[in-house]
Protein backbone atom coordinates (compact mmCIF):
# COMPACT_ATOMS: atom_id res chain seq x y z
CA MET A 1 -0.13 -0.03 -0.21
CA ASN A 2 2.97 2.20 0.68
CA TRP A 3 4.14 1.53 -2.71
CA ILE A 4 1.04 2.66 -4.03
CA ASN A 5 1.12 5.79 -2.31
CA ASN A 6 4.74 6.59 -2.41
CA VAL A 7 5.72 5.65 -5.94
CA VAL A 8 2.62 5.11 -8.33
CA ARG A 9 0.39 7.81 -7.50
CA PRO A 10 3.29 10.44 -7.43
CA LYS A 11 3.97 9.57 -11.02
CA ILE A 12 0.47 9.37 -12.30
CA SER A 13 0.15 12.73 -10.71
CA GLY A 14 2.94 14.14 -12.47
CA ILE A 15 2.00 12.57 -15.85
CA LEU A 16 -1.41 14.30 -15.53
CA ARG A 17 -0.45 17.43 -14.02
CA LYS A 18 -0.13 20.58 -16.14
CA ARG A 19 2.76 21.73 -17.41
CA VAL A 20 3.66 25.57 -16.36
CA VAL A 21 5.42 27.66 -19.15
CA PRO A 22 6.60 31.05 -18.76
CA ASP A 23 4.09 33.17 -20.84
CA ASN A 24 6.84 35.19 -22.57
CA LEU A 25 8.71 32.29 -23.44
CA TRP A 26 7.37 32.20 -27.10
CA VAL A 27 6.67 34.99 -28.98
CA LYS A 28 4.45 35.19 -32.04
CA CYS A 29 5.02 37.22 -34.83
CA PRO A 30 2.09 39.74 -35.74
CA GLU A 31 2.14 39.18 -39.35
CA THR A 32 2.89 35.59 -39.91
CA GLY A 33 2.12 33.76 -36.45
CA GLN A 34 5.62 32.31 -36.82
CA MET A 35 6.53 31.35 -32.88
CA VAL A 36 9.84 32.73 -31.99
CA PHE A 37 11.97 31.54 -28.67
CA HIS A 38 12.69 34.82 -26.72
CA ARG A 39 16.11 34.56 -26.57
CA ASP A 40 16.47 34.20 -30.06
CA LEU A 41 14.41 37.26 -30.65
CA GLU A 42 16.27 39.30 -28.10
CA ALA A 43 19.55 37.92 -30.04
CA ASN A 44 18.05 39.44 -32.97
CA GLN A 45 17.21 42.62 -31.96
CA PHE A 46 13.47 41.81 -31.79
CA VAL A 47 13.48 41.37 -35.36
CA VAL A 48 11.58 38.37 -36.32
CA PRO A 49 13.40 35.92 -38.38
CA GLY A 50 12.38 34.89 -41.71
CA SER A 51 9.44 37.68 -41.65
CA GLY A 52 11.62 40.69 -40.61
CA TYR A 53 8.55 42.17 -38.78
CA HIS A 54 9.94 44.58 -36.10
CA MET A 55 8.49 43.95 -32.91
CA ARG A 56 8.88 47.11 -30.30
CA MET A 57 11.90 47.28 -28.00
CA SER A 58 11.84 48.46 -24.71
CA ALA A 59 13.46 51.77 -24.14
CA GLN A 60 16.42 50.35 -22.06
CA VAL A 61 16.94 47.99 -24.48
CA ARG A 62 16.84 50.69 -27.52
CA LEU A 63 19.42 52.96 -25.96
CA ALA A 64 21.77 49.94 -24.99
CA ALA A 65 21.36 48.90 -29.01
CA LEU A 66 22.62 52.69 -29.74
CA PHE A 67 25.48 53.53 -27.83
CA ASP A 68 28.96 51.93 -27.69
CA GLY A 69 29.39 49.63 -25.63
CA GLY A 70 25.53 49.44 -24.37
CA GLU A 71 27.18 51.93 -22.11
CA PHE A 72 25.25 55.65 -21.51
CA ASP A 73 24.18 58.24 -18.56
CA LYS A 74 20.69 58.38 -18.18
CA ILE A 75 19.74 62.26 -17.77
CA ALA A 76 17.27 62.95 -14.61
CA LEU A 77 13.86 64.42 -15.72
CA PRO A 78 12.47 67.21 -13.72
CA GLU A 79 9.37 66.53 -11.45
CA VAL A 80 5.79 67.35 -12.92
CA ALA A 81 2.44 67.17 -11.11
CA LEU A 82 1.23 63.54 -10.76
CA ASP A 83 -2.43 63.83 -11.61
CA PRO A 84 -3.31 67.76 -12.34
CA LEU A 85 -6.70 67.21 -13.45
CA LYS A 86 -7.51 64.56 -10.45
CA PHE A 87 -8.83 62.74 -13.62
CA ARG A 88 -10.74 59.33 -13.23
CA ASP A 89 -12.82 57.04 -15.80
CA GLU A 90 -12.85 53.29 -15.07
CA ARG A 91 -9.92 53.76 -12.98
CA ARG A 92 -8.03 56.69 -11.22
CA TYR A 93 -5.28 57.86 -13.39
CA THR A 94 -2.59 57.61 -10.56
CA ASP A 95 -3.14 53.89 -10.38
CA ARG A 96 -2.76 53.56 -14.22
CA VAL A 97 0.72 55.34 -13.69
CA LYS A 98 1.90 53.23 -11.04
CA ASP A 99 0.82 50.19 -12.91
CA SER A 100 2.66 51.39 -15.93
CA ARG A 101 5.88 52.56 -13.67
CA ALA A 102 6.05 48.93 -12.22
CA LYS A 103 5.64 47.09 -15.62
CA THR A 104 8.39 49.30 -17.40
CA SER A 105 10.62 50.66 -14.48
CA MET A 106 10.53 54.39 -16.32
CA SER A 107 8.80 57.23 -14.56
CA ASP A 108 7.20 58.22 -17.69
CA ALA A 109 6.56 57.37 -21.41
CA VAL A 110 10.00 58.76 -22.42
CA LEU A 111 13.90 57.81 -21.16
CA LEU A 112 16.87 59.75 -22.07
CA GLY A 113 20.45 59.19 -22.14
CA ALA A 114 23.75 60.41 -23.08
CA GLY A 115 26.49 58.74 -24.39
CA LYS A 116 28.91 57.63 -27.26
CA LEU A 117 27.80 56.35 -31.01
CA ASP A 118 30.91 55.19 -32.71
CA GLY A 119 32.87 58.00 -30.56
CA LEU A 120 30.90 60.85 -31.41
CA ALA A 121 29.01 62.58 -28.22
CA VAL A 122 25.13 62.30 -28.77
CA VAL A 123 21.90 62.45 -26.49
CA ALA A 124 19.11 60.27 -27.19
CA GLY A 125 15.49 59.81 -25.99
CA VAL A 126 13.26 56.95 -26.31
CA GLN A 127 9.40 56.62 -26.10
CA ASP A 128 8.27 53.45 -24.74
CA PHE A 129 4.84 52.14 -25.93
CA ASP A 130 4.37 49.87 -23.03
CA PHE A 131 3.85 53.05 -20.60
CA LEU A 132 0.09 54.09 -21.48
CA GLY A 133 0.92 53.73 -25.27
CA GLY A 134 3.69 56.19 -25.15
CA SER A 135 1.40 58.99 -24.81
CA LEU A 136 2.51 62.69 -24.70
CA GLY A 137 1.99 63.92 -21.09
CA MET A 138 3.19 66.59 -19.12
CA ALA A 139 6.15 64.37 -18.07
CA ALA A 140 6.58 63.31 -21.08
CA GLY A 141 6.80 66.94 -22.81
CA GLU A 142 9.46 67.50 -20.33
CA ALA A 143 11.82 64.71 -20.94
CA VAL A 144 11.74 65.56 -24.85
CA ILE A 145 12.32 69.29 -24.25
CA THR A 146 15.22 68.30 -21.76
CA GLY A 147 16.91 66.20 -23.79
CA MET A 148 17.10 69.16 -26.52
CA GLN A 149 18.00 71.08 -24.20
CA THR A 150 21.07 69.03 -22.88
CA ALA A 151 21.95 68.51 -26.57
CA VAL A 152 22.01 72.26 -26.87
CA LYS A 153 24.00 72.76 -23.85
CA ARG A 154 26.58 69.91 -24.68
CA LYS A 155 26.67 70.90 -28.61
CA CYS A 156 25.95 67.34 -29.91
CA PRO A 157 23.13 66.01 -31.93
CA PHE A 158 19.80 64.46 -30.52
CA ILE A 159 17.96 61.75 -31.69
CA ILE A 160 14.52 60.59 -30.60
CA PHE A 161 12.43 57.02 -31.25
CA THR A 162 9.00 57.98 -31.28
CA ALA A 163 6.33 55.41 -30.34
CA SER A 164 2.82 56.82 -29.30
CA GLY A 165 -0.86 56.56 -29.45
CA GLY A 166 -1.03 60.65 -29.20
CA ALA A 167 -1.49 63.00 -26.48
CA ARG A 168 -2.72 61.25 -23.04
CA MET A 169 -6.38 62.24 -22.71
CA GLN A 170 -6.06 62.22 -18.87
CA GLU A 171 -4.16 65.24 -18.69
CA GLY A 172 -6.65 67.13 -20.88
CA ILE A 173 -5.17 70.59 -22.32
CA LEU A 174 -2.03 70.08 -20.32
CA SER A 175 -1.00 67.25 -22.76
CA LEU A 176 -1.90 69.59 -25.90
CA MET A 177 0.47 72.43 -24.41
CA GLN A 178 2.93 69.94 -25.06
CA MET A 179 2.91 70.21 -28.47
CA PRO A 180 3.97 73.84 -28.96
CA ARG A 181 6.48 73.79 -26.25
CA THR A 182 8.35 70.39 -28.01
CA THR A 183 8.19 72.70 -31.33
CA VAL A 184 9.77 75.84 -29.09
CA ALA A 185 12.55 73.03 -28.71
CA VAL A 186 13.27 72.16 -31.90
CA GLN A 187 13.66 75.35 -32.61
CA GLU A 188 16.77 76.09 -30.21
CA MET A 189 18.08 72.80 -31.82
CA ARG A 190 17.64 74.86 -35.12
CA GLU A 191 19.21 78.28 -33.64
CA ALA A 192 22.30 76.18 -32.08
CA GLY A 193 22.76 74.57 -35.68
CA LEU A 194 22.62 71.03 -34.03
CA PRO A 195 21.35 68.11 -35.85
CA TYR A 196 18.07 66.80 -34.75
CA ILE A 197 17.36 63.19 -35.76
CA VAL A 198 14.09 61.49 -35.66
CA VAL A 199 13.39 57.46 -35.81
CA LEU A 200 9.62 56.67 -36.25
CA THR A 201 8.96 53.61 -35.07
CA ASN A 202 5.19 51.69 -34.71
CA PRO A 203 3.24 53.26 -33.97
CA THR A 204 3.62 56.80 -34.20
CA THR A 205 0.29 58.75 -34.06
CA GLY A 206 -1.50 61.54 -32.82
CA GLY A 207 -0.17 64.83 -31.50
CA VAL A 208 3.03 63.34 -31.41
CA THR A 209 3.01 62.92 -35.21
CA ALA A 210 1.76 66.26 -35.61
CA SER A 211 4.34 68.00 -33.63
CA TYR A 212 8.21 66.95 -32.85
CA ALA A 213 8.00 63.52 -34.71
CA MET A 214 7.66 65.25 -37.93
CA LEU A 215 9.90 68.29 -37.17
CA GLY A 216 13.49 66.64 -37.84
CA ASP A 217 16.27 67.44 -40.19
CA ILE A 218 16.09 63.74 -41.03
CA HIS A 219 13.16 61.27 -40.69
CA ILE A 220 13.96 57.64 -40.56
CA ALA A 221 11.26 54.91 -40.37
CA GLU A 222 11.45 51.59 -39.18
CA PRO A 223 10.36 49.00 -41.82
CA GLY A 224 6.37 48.65 -41.62
CA ALA A 225 5.95 51.11 -39.07
CA LEU A 226 2.45 52.78 -38.87
CA ILE A 227 2.92 56.72 -38.90
CA CYS A 228 -0.08 59.19 -39.09
CA PHE A 229 -1.99 61.41 -37.46
CA ALA A 230 -5.69 59.63 -37.28
CA GLY A 231 -5.40 56.04 -38.25
CA PRO A 232 -6.70 54.45 -41.54
CA ARG A 233 -9.72 52.91 -39.69
CA VAL A 234 -10.84 56.62 -38.95
CA ILE A 235 -10.04 58.11 -42.20
CA GLU A 236 -12.03 55.35 -44.16
CA GLN A 237 -14.59 55.68 -41.88
CA THR A 238 -14.76 59.61 -42.67
CA ILE A 239 -14.26 59.81 -46.15
CA ARG A 240 -16.27 56.39 -46.72
CA GLU A 241 -13.56 55.24 -48.90
CA LYS A 242 -10.80 52.52 -49.50
CA LEU A 243 -7.44 53.64 -48.59
CA PRO A 244 -4.48 52.01 -50.82
CA ASP A 245 -2.76 48.90 -49.50
CA GLY A 246 -0.04 50.35 -46.99
CA PHE A 247 -1.52 53.29 -46.51
CA GLN A 248 0.32 55.59 -44.02
CA ARG A 249 2.97 52.40 -43.52
CA ALA A 250 6.82 53.69 -43.52
CA GLU A 251 7.26 52.22 -47.39
CA TYR A 252 4.26 54.31 -48.57
CA LEU A 253 5.43 57.60 -46.63
CA ARG A 254 9.17 57.30 -47.82
CA ASP A 255 7.20 56.88 -51.60
CA HIS A 256 5.50 59.70 -51.14
CA GLY A 257 7.76 62.20 -49.66
CA MET A 258 6.83 62.10 -46.12
CA VAL A 259 9.87 60.20 -44.70
CA ASP A 260 13.58 60.27 -45.75
CA MET A 261 14.64 56.82 -45.47
CA VAL A 262 13.07 53.36 -44.38
CA VAL A 263 15.89 51.62 -42.49
CA HIS A 264 16.23 47.84 -41.39
CA ARG A 265 16.85 47.66 -37.22
CA HIS A 266 19.94 46.08 -38.04
CA GLN A 267 21.33 48.85 -40.09
CA MET A 268 20.02 51.92 -37.76
CA ARG A 269 22.79 52.30 -35.54
CA GLU A 270 25.07 52.37 -38.61
CA THR A 271 23.14 54.92 -40.50
CA LEU A 272 22.69 57.38 -37.25
CA SER A 273 26.26 57.32 -36.83
CA ARG A 274 26.96 57.92 -40.38
CA LEU A 275 24.49 60.64 -40.71
CA CYS A 276 25.47 61.97 -37.00
CA ARG A 277 29.04 62.79 -38.61
CA MET A 278 28.16 64.13 -41.91
CA LEU A 279 25.40 66.89 -40.22
CA THR A 280 28.32 67.69 -37.72
CA GLY A 281 31.34 68.21 -40.09
CA LYS A 282 32.95 65.30 -38.27
CA PRO A 283 35.51 62.77 -40.27
CA ALA A 284 33.90 59.74 -41.43
CA LEU A 285 34.90 56.62 -39.45
CA ALA A 286 38.14 54.48 -40.62
CA ALA A 287 37.05 50.94 -41.79
CA GLY A 288 36.48 48.36 -39.41
CA ALA A 289 36.76 51.48 -36.51
CA ARG A 290 32.64 51.09 -36.45
CA LYS A 291 33.57 47.24 -35.12
CA LEU A 292 35.47 48.35 -32.26
CA ASN A 293 32.95 50.83 -31.05
CA GLY A 294 29.57 48.85 -31.98
CA PRO A 295 28.15 45.94 -30.38
CA SER A 296 29.33 42.65 -30.55
CA SER A 297 29.07 40.80 -33.98
CA ALA A 298 26.86 38.36 -32.39
CA ALA A 299 24.36 40.81 -31.50
CA ALA A 300 24.70 43.37 -34.16
CA ALA A 301 24.01 40.57 -36.58
CA GLY A 302 21.53 38.77 -34.17
CA GLY A 303 21.95 35.69 -35.82
CA ASN A 304 20.36 34.90 -39.35
CA SER A 305 17.71 37.63 -39.39
CA GLY A 306 16.02 37.81 -42.18
CA SER A 307 16.52 41.52 -43.41
CA SER A 308 13.55 41.95 -45.54
CA PRO A 309 11.70 44.45 -44.44
CA GLY A 310 8.38 43.58 -42.42
CA ALA A 311 1.62 46.47 -30.51
CA SER A 312 -0.30 47.35 -24.58
CA ALA A 313 -1.74 50.40 -25.43
CA GLY A 314 -2.59 52.73 -23.09
CA THR A 315 -5.71 55.29 -22.96
CA THR A 316 -4.63 57.79 -25.59
CA ALA A 317 -6.38 60.46 -27.47
């Protein structure tokens, strides 16, 4: 009897027991349905092998992939009122912010860093879509302005990676005020004669597209990125017409002159380095120098990527 209780029953229970698998062990490609092992996807800079679909990257990972050796100094951001309008819908706005902070380990939707890009000093900002849909509020606006002002003080280029659903509705008119405020900061970059480069990632929409995301000296888009003010579904419902295939996607906008180039993520760092040096009048890097400054060859190549071009949203308006 002891043998049945101690040996047979545990083995049967072990067979019947459901195996627990972490939710993020495998990632499904939204375009093809291909399942990719998370570590393989991470090693490939979050580009799905085969389809070339560009998944979203966290702000921290994006900055680490940009700067030499993955090293950068975080730029402190000014404090702003957390909930100026005491907003509440199904949940309190403060609770939504707390959840996003716990999820992303960020204070708000924009992360700033300063470091070297192939030996050239640059300041960069990244919008993280996982923080309330990368929405533009007071804190995000202050972050963008602080990044540009820091670049002016240090006399170096400013690069921003945009990803946003638009203005943050929980802050009302205060969020919309960030559009002209960031535009003024862009003008300060212009007057200082410093490069301002925008990298449009999927998705960049709403008030962000209507302000600093479209005021760069050069606009680069990642393959397949949705870039617009109002989404295609809203436009179709308004004009009651079927839109062209690929409308408002990166390649369509490049072909129609709205963005300057579409660059695969594996070539993004090299492209930004070359543009920053060209726009600042710095000499081009000697052959092989970029390999010494950049990430390891395994991380840069990310295995075999499939180099052909290839979304948790918060409450935004």
